[in-house]
Amino acid sequence: MPARNNAVAVDFRNAAALRRETEEARRDGFTGKMAIHPAQVPVINEVFTPSAAAIASARAVVAAFEANPGKGTVGIDGVMYDRPHLERARQLLARATVAGLTS
């Protein structure tokens, strides 16, 4: 039975399967994955490191809430965002800062 989501990928030579599992884990809300072999680390880091587009989107969400203090929801380009989106954006920006992608 194949590993699911954030379980350790024991087939450490199968980079495609590792990438698929890691992307599923990210989609499901995980922010990291354990590796059992050094060869797995680059794939895991690539998948979990926030992209420039994700960073820009998170900054836009944070900025919209900062421009509208006390609001429970904000709209950006016709899309509604609420407080859980704000929290997720802040967490993504914190991970990006740790990764040296933001200041």
N, C-alpha and C. Protein backbone atom coordinates (compact mmCIF):
# COMPACT_ATOMS: atom_id res chain seq x y z
N MET A 1 0.85 -1.18 0.00
CA MET A 1 0.00 0.00 0.00
C MET A 1 0.89 1.24 0.00
N PRO A 2 0.67 2.20 -0.90
CA PRO A 2 1.52 3.38 -0.95
C PRO A 2 1.32 4.28 0.26
N ALA A 3 2.36 5.05 0.57
CA ALA A 3 2.27 6.01 1.67
C ALA A 3 1.23 7.07 1.32
N ARG A 4 0.68 7.69 2.32
CA ARG A 4 -0.37 8.69 2.09
C ARG A 4 0.01 9.99 2.79
N ASN A 5 -0.07 11.07 2.06
CA ASN A 5 0.12 12.42 2.57
C ASN A 5 1.46 12.60 3.27
N ASN A 6 1.45 12.73 4.58
CA ASN A 6 2.67 13.12 5.26
C ASN A 6 3.45 11.95 5.85
N ALA A 7 3.08 10.72 5.50
CA ALA A 7 3.84 9.57 5.97
C ALA A 7 5.22 9.58 5.31
N VAL A 8 6.17 8.96 5.95
CA VAL A 8 7.52 8.86 5.39
C VAL A 8 7.46 8.05 4.10
N ALA A 9 8.13 8.54 3.07
CA ALA A 9 8.21 7.82 1.79
C ALA A 9 9.40 6.87 1.87
N VAL A 10 9.12 5.59 1.99
CA VAL A 10 10.19 4.61 2.18
C VAL A 10 10.89 4.23 0.89
N ASP A 11 10.25 4.43 -0.24
CA ASP A 11 10.88 4.16 -1.54
C ASP A 11 11.69 5.39 -1.92
N PHE A 12 12.83 5.57 -1.26
CA PHE A 12 13.58 6.83 -1.36
C PHE A 12 14.18 7.09 -2.73
N ARG A 13 14.17 6.11 -3.60
CA ARG A 13 14.70 6.32 -4.96
C ARG A 13 13.61 6.77 -5.94
N ASN A 14 12.36 6.79 -5.51
CA ASN A 14 11.24 7.13 -6.38
C ASN A 14 10.86 8.60 -6.16
N ALA A 15 11.57 9.50 -6.84
CA ALA A 15 11.36 10.94 -6.67
C ALA A 15 9.98 11.37 -7.14
N ALA A 16 9.45 10.75 -8.18
CA ALA A 16 8.13 11.12 -8.69
C ALA A 16 7.05 10.82 -7.65
N ALA A 17 7.12 9.67 -7.03
CA ALA A 17 6.14 9.32 -5.99
C ALA A 17 6.29 10.24 -4.79
N LEU A 18 7.53 10.54 -4.42
CA LEU A 18 7.78 11.45 -3.30
C LEU A 18 7.17 12.82 -3.60
N ARG A 19 7.39 13.34 -4.79
CA ARG A 19 6.83 14.64 -5.17
C ARG A 19 5.31 14.61 -5.10
N ARG A 20 4.70 13.57 -5.62
CA ARG A 20 3.23 13.45 -5.61
C ARG A 20 2.71 13.43 -4.17
N GLU A 21 3.33 12.61 -3.31
CA GLU A 21 2.91 12.52 -1.92
C GLU A 21 3.11 13.85 -1.19
N THR A 22 4.22 14.52 -1.49
CA THR A 22 4.52 15.78 -0.83
C THR A 22 3.56 16.87 -1.28
N GLU A 23 3.22 16.90 -2.55
CA GLU A 23 2.24 17.87 -3.04
C GLU A 23 0.86 17.61 -2.44
N GLU A 24 0.50 16.34 -2.25
CA GLU A 24 -0.76 16.01 -1.59
C GLU A 24 -0.75 16.51 -0.15
N ALA A 25 0.38 16.31 0.52
CA ALA A 25 0.50 16.76 1.91
C ALA A 25 0.35 18.27 2.00
N ARG A 26 1.00 19.01 1.09
CA ARG A 26 0.88 20.47 1.07
C ARG A 26 -0.57 20.87 0.83
N ARG A 27 -1.20 20.23 -0.14
CA ARG A 27 -2.61 20.51 -0.44
C ARG A 27 -3.50 20.29 0.79
N ASP A 28 -3.16 19.28 1.58
CA ASP A 28 -3.96 18.94 2.75
C ASP A 28 -3.60 19.77 3.98
N GLY A 29 -2.71 20.74 3.82
CA GLY A 29 -2.42 21.66 4.91
C GLY A 29 -1.14 21.42 5.68
N PHE A 30 -0.40 20.39 5.33
CA PHE A 30 0.89 20.15 5.99
C PHE A 30 1.90 21.19 5.52
N THR A 31 2.88 21.47 6.35
CA THR A 31 3.91 22.45 6.00
C THR A 31 5.30 21.84 5.96
N GLY A 32 5.38 20.53 6.07
CA GLY A 32 6.66 19.84 6.00
C GLY A 32 6.45 18.34 5.93
N LYS A 33 7.55 17.64 5.69
CA LYS A 33 7.50 16.18 5.56
C LYS A 33 8.84 15.63 6.01
N MET A 34 8.83 14.50 6.68
CA MET A 34 10.07 13.86 7.11
C MET A 34 10.70 13.11 5.95
N ALA A 35 12.02 13.12 5.94
CA ALA A 35 12.78 12.38 4.93
C ALA A 35 13.56 11.27 5.64
N ILE A 36 13.73 10.15 4.94
CA ILE A 36 14.55 9.08 5.50
C ILE A 36 15.87 8.95 4.75
N HIS A 37 16.04 9.77 3.71
CA HIS A 37 17.27 9.73 2.92
C HIS A 37 17.59 11.14 2.44
N PRO A 38 18.86 11.54 2.46
CA PRO A 38 19.22 12.90 2.03
C PRO A 38 18.76 13.25 0.61
N ALA A 39 18.62 12.26 -0.26
CA ALA A 39 18.18 12.53 -1.63
C ALA A 39 16.75 13.04 -1.68
N GLN A 40 15.97 12.84 -0.62
CA GLN A 40 14.58 13.29 -0.59
C GLN A 40 14.46 14.78 -0.23
N VAL A 41 15.44 15.31 0.41
CA VAL A 41 15.35 16.68 0.94
C VAL A 41 15.11 17.73 -0.14
N PRO A 42 15.82 17.73 -1.27
CA PRO A 42 15.55 18.76 -2.28
C PRO A 42 14.11 18.78 -2.79
N VAL A 43 13.51 17.62 -2.99
CA VAL A 43 12.13 17.56 -3.47
C VAL A 43 11.19 18.12 -2.40
N ILE A 44 11.38 17.70 -1.17
CA ILE A 44 10.52 18.16 -0.07
C ILE A 44 10.66 19.68 0.09
N ASN A 45 11.89 20.17 0.08
CA ASN A 45 12.09 21.61 0.22
C ASN A 45 11.45 22.38 -0.93
N GLU A 46 11.58 21.88 -2.14
CA GLU A 46 11.01 22.57 -3.29
C GLU A 46 9.49 22.67 -3.19
N VAL A 47 8.85 21.60 -2.78
CA VAL A 47 7.39 21.58 -2.70
C VAL A 47 6.88 22.49 -1.58
N PHE A 48 7.55 22.50 -0.44
CA PHE A 48 7.06 23.25 0.70
C PHE A 48 7.56 24.69 0.78
N THR A 49 8.52 25.06 -0.04
CA THR A 49 8.99 26.45 -0.03
C THR A 49 7.98 27.30 -0.79
N PRO A 50 7.48 28.36 -0.15
CA PRO A 50 6.47 29.19 -0.82
C PRO A 50 7.00 29.79 -2.12
N SER A 51 6.17 29.76 -3.15
CA SER A 51 6.54 30.34 -4.44
C SER A 51 6.40 31.86 -4.39
N ALA A 52 6.99 32.53 -5.36
CA ALA A 52 6.86 33.99 -5.44
C ALA A 52 5.39 34.38 -5.58
N ALA A 53 4.63 33.64 -6.36
CA ALA A 53 3.20 33.94 -6.53
C ALA A 53 2.44 33.77 -5.22
N ALA A 54 2.75 32.72 -4.48
CA ALA A 54 2.07 32.50 -3.19
C ALA A 54 2.42 33.60 -2.21
N ILE A 55 3.67 34.04 -2.22
CA ILE A 55 4.09 35.13 -1.33
C ILE A 55 3.35 36.41 -1.70
N ALA A 56 3.26 36.71 -2.99
CA ALA A 56 2.57 37.92 -3.44
C ALA A 56 1.09 37.87 -3.05
N SER A 57 0.47 36.73 -3.21
CA SER A 57 -0.94 36.57 -2.84
C SER A 57 -1.13 36.76 -1.34
N ALA A 58 -0.26 36.17 -0.55
CA ALA A 58 -0.34 36.30 0.91
C ALA A 58 -0.15 37.76 1.32
N ARG A 59 0.79 38.44 0.71
CA ARG A 59 0.99 39.87 1.01
C ARG A 59 -0.26 40.68 0.68
N ALA A 60 -0.92 40.35 -0.42
CA ALA A 60 -2.13 41.07 -0.82
C ALA A 60 -3.25 40.86 0.21
N VAL A 61 -3.39 39.64 0.71
CA VAL A 61 -4.41 39.36 1.71
C VAL A 61 -4.12 40.13 2.99
N VAL A 62 -2.89 40.08 3.45
CA VAL A 62 -2.51 40.81 4.67
C VAL A 62 -2.74 42.31 4.47
N ALA A 63 -2.31 42.85 3.35
CA ALA A 63 -2.47 44.28 3.09
C ALA A 63 -3.94 44.68 3.05
N ALA A 64 -4.78 43.85 2.46
CA ALA A 64 -6.21 44.17 2.38
C ALA A 64 -6.84 44.24 3.77
N PHE A 65 -6.46 43.32 4.65
CA PHE A 65 -6.99 43.35 6.01
C PHE A 65 -6.41 44.54 6.79
N GLU A 66 -5.15 44.86 6.56
CA GLU A 66 -4.55 46.01 7.24
C GLU A 66 -5.22 47.31 6.80
N ALA A 67 -5.63 47.38 5.54
CA ALA A 67 -6.31 48.57 5.03
C ALA A 67 -7.76 48.65 5.51
N ASN A 68 -8.28 47.57 6.05
CA ASN A 68 -9.67 47.51 6.52
C ASN A 68 -9.73 46.93 7.92
N PRO A 69 -9.13 47.63 8.90
CA PRO A 69 -9.07 47.08 10.26
C PRO A 69 -10.48 46.80 10.81
N GLY A 70 -10.59 45.69 11.49
CA GLY A 70 -11.85 45.32 12.10
C GLY A 70 -12.81 44.58 11.19
N LYS A 71 -12.51 44.52 9.91
CA LYS A 71 -13.39 43.80 8.98
C LYS A 71 -13.19 42.30 9.13
N GLY A 72 -14.27 41.57 8.96
CA GLY A 72 -14.19 40.11 9.01
C GLY A 72 -13.88 39.50 7.67
N THR A 73 -14.20 40.25 6.61
CA THR A 73 -13.92 39.78 5.26
C THR A 73 -13.44 40.95 4.42
N VAL A 74 -12.67 40.64 3.39
CA VAL A 74 -12.22 41.65 2.43
C VAL A 74 -12.34 41.03 1.04
N GLY A 75 -12.44 41.88 0.04
CA GLY A 75 -12.49 41.41 -1.33
C GLY A 75 -11.24 41.84 -2.08
N ILE A 76 -10.68 40.92 -2.84
CA ILE A 76 -9.52 41.20 -3.69
C ILE A 76 -9.84 40.64 -5.07
N ASP A 77 -9.92 41.52 -6.05
CA ASP A 77 -10.19 41.10 -7.43
C ASP A 77 -11.42 40.20 -7.54
N GLY A 78 -12.47 40.55 -6.80
CA GLY A 78 -13.71 39.80 -6.88
C GLY A 78 -13.75 38.52 -6.07
N VAL A 79 -12.72 38.27 -5.27
CA VAL A 79 -12.66 37.07 -4.43
C VAL A 79 -12.75 37.50 -2.97
N MET A 80 -13.60 36.82 -2.18
CA MET A 80 -13.75 37.15 -0.78
C MET A 80 -12.78 36.33 0.08
N TYR A 81 -12.14 37.03 1.01
CA TYR A 81 -11.22 36.41 1.95
C TYR A 81 -11.70 36.72 3.35
N ASP A 82 -11.58 35.74 4.26
CA ASP A 82 -11.97 35.97 5.63
C ASP A 82 -10.79 35.73 6.56
N ARG A 83 -11.05 35.79 7.85
CA ARG A 83 -9.96 35.71 8.85
C ARG A 83 -9.11 34.44 8.74
N PRO A 84 -9.66 33.27 8.47
CA PRO A 84 -8.79 32.10 8.30
C PRO A 84 -7.81 32.28 7.13
N HIS A 85 -8.25 32.96 6.06
CA HIS A 85 -7.33 33.24 4.96
C HIS A 85 -6.20 34.15 5.42
N LEU A 86 -6.55 35.13 6.26
CA LEU A 86 -5.53 36.04 6.79
C LEU A 86 -4.51 35.26 7.62
N GLU A 87 -4.99 34.37 8.47
CA GLU A 87 -4.07 33.59 9.30
C GLU A 87 -3.17 32.70 8.44
N ARG A 88 -3.75 32.08 7.43
CA ARG A 88 -2.95 31.24 6.53
C ARG A 88 -1.92 32.07 5.79
N ALA A 89 -2.30 33.27 5.37
CA ALA A 89 -1.36 34.16 4.68
C ALA A 89 -0.21 34.54 5.59
N ARG A 90 -0.51 34.85 6.83
CA ARG A 90 0.54 35.20 7.80
C ARG A 90 1.49 34.03 8.02
N GLN A 91 0.94 32.83 8.13
CA GLN A 91 1.78 31.64 8.33
C GLN A 91 2.68 31.40 7.12
N LEU A 92 2.14 31.58 5.92
CA LEU A 92 2.94 31.40 4.72
C LEU A 92 4.08 32.42 4.69
N LEU A 93 3.77 33.67 5.02
CA LEU A 93 4.81 34.70 5.03
C LEU A 93 5.87 34.42 6.09
N ALA A 94 5.47 33.87 7.22
CA ALA A 94 6.45 33.50 8.25
C ALA A 94 7.37 32.39 7.73
N ARG A 95 6.81 31.39 7.03
CA ARG A 95 7.65 30.33 6.46
C ARG A 95 8.58 30.90 5.40
N ALA A 96 8.07 31.84 4.61
CA ALA A 96 8.91 32.46 3.57
C ALA A 96 10.05 33.24 4.20
N THR A 97 9.79 33.91 5.31
CA THR A 97 10.84 34.65 6.00
C THR A 97 11.91 33.71 6.53
N VAL A 98 11.49 32.60 7.13
CA VAL A 98 12.45 31.61 7.64
C VAL A 98 13.30 31.06 6.50
N ALA A 99 12.67 30.90 5.33
CA ALA A 99 13.40 30.38 4.16
C ALA A 99 14.26 31.44 3.50
N GLY A 100 14.21 32.68 4.01
CA GLY A 100 15.03 33.75 3.45
C GLY A 100 14.46 34.36 2.18
N LEU A 101 13.16 34.19 1.96
CA LEU A 101 12.53 34.70 0.74
C LEU A 101 11.90 36.07 0.92
N THR A 102 11.72 36.51 2.17
CA THR A 102 11.16 37.82 2.46
C THR A 102 11.98 38.47 3.56
N SER A 103 11.74 39.73 3.74
CA SER A 103 12.45 40.42 4.84
C SER A 103 11.48 40.86 5.88
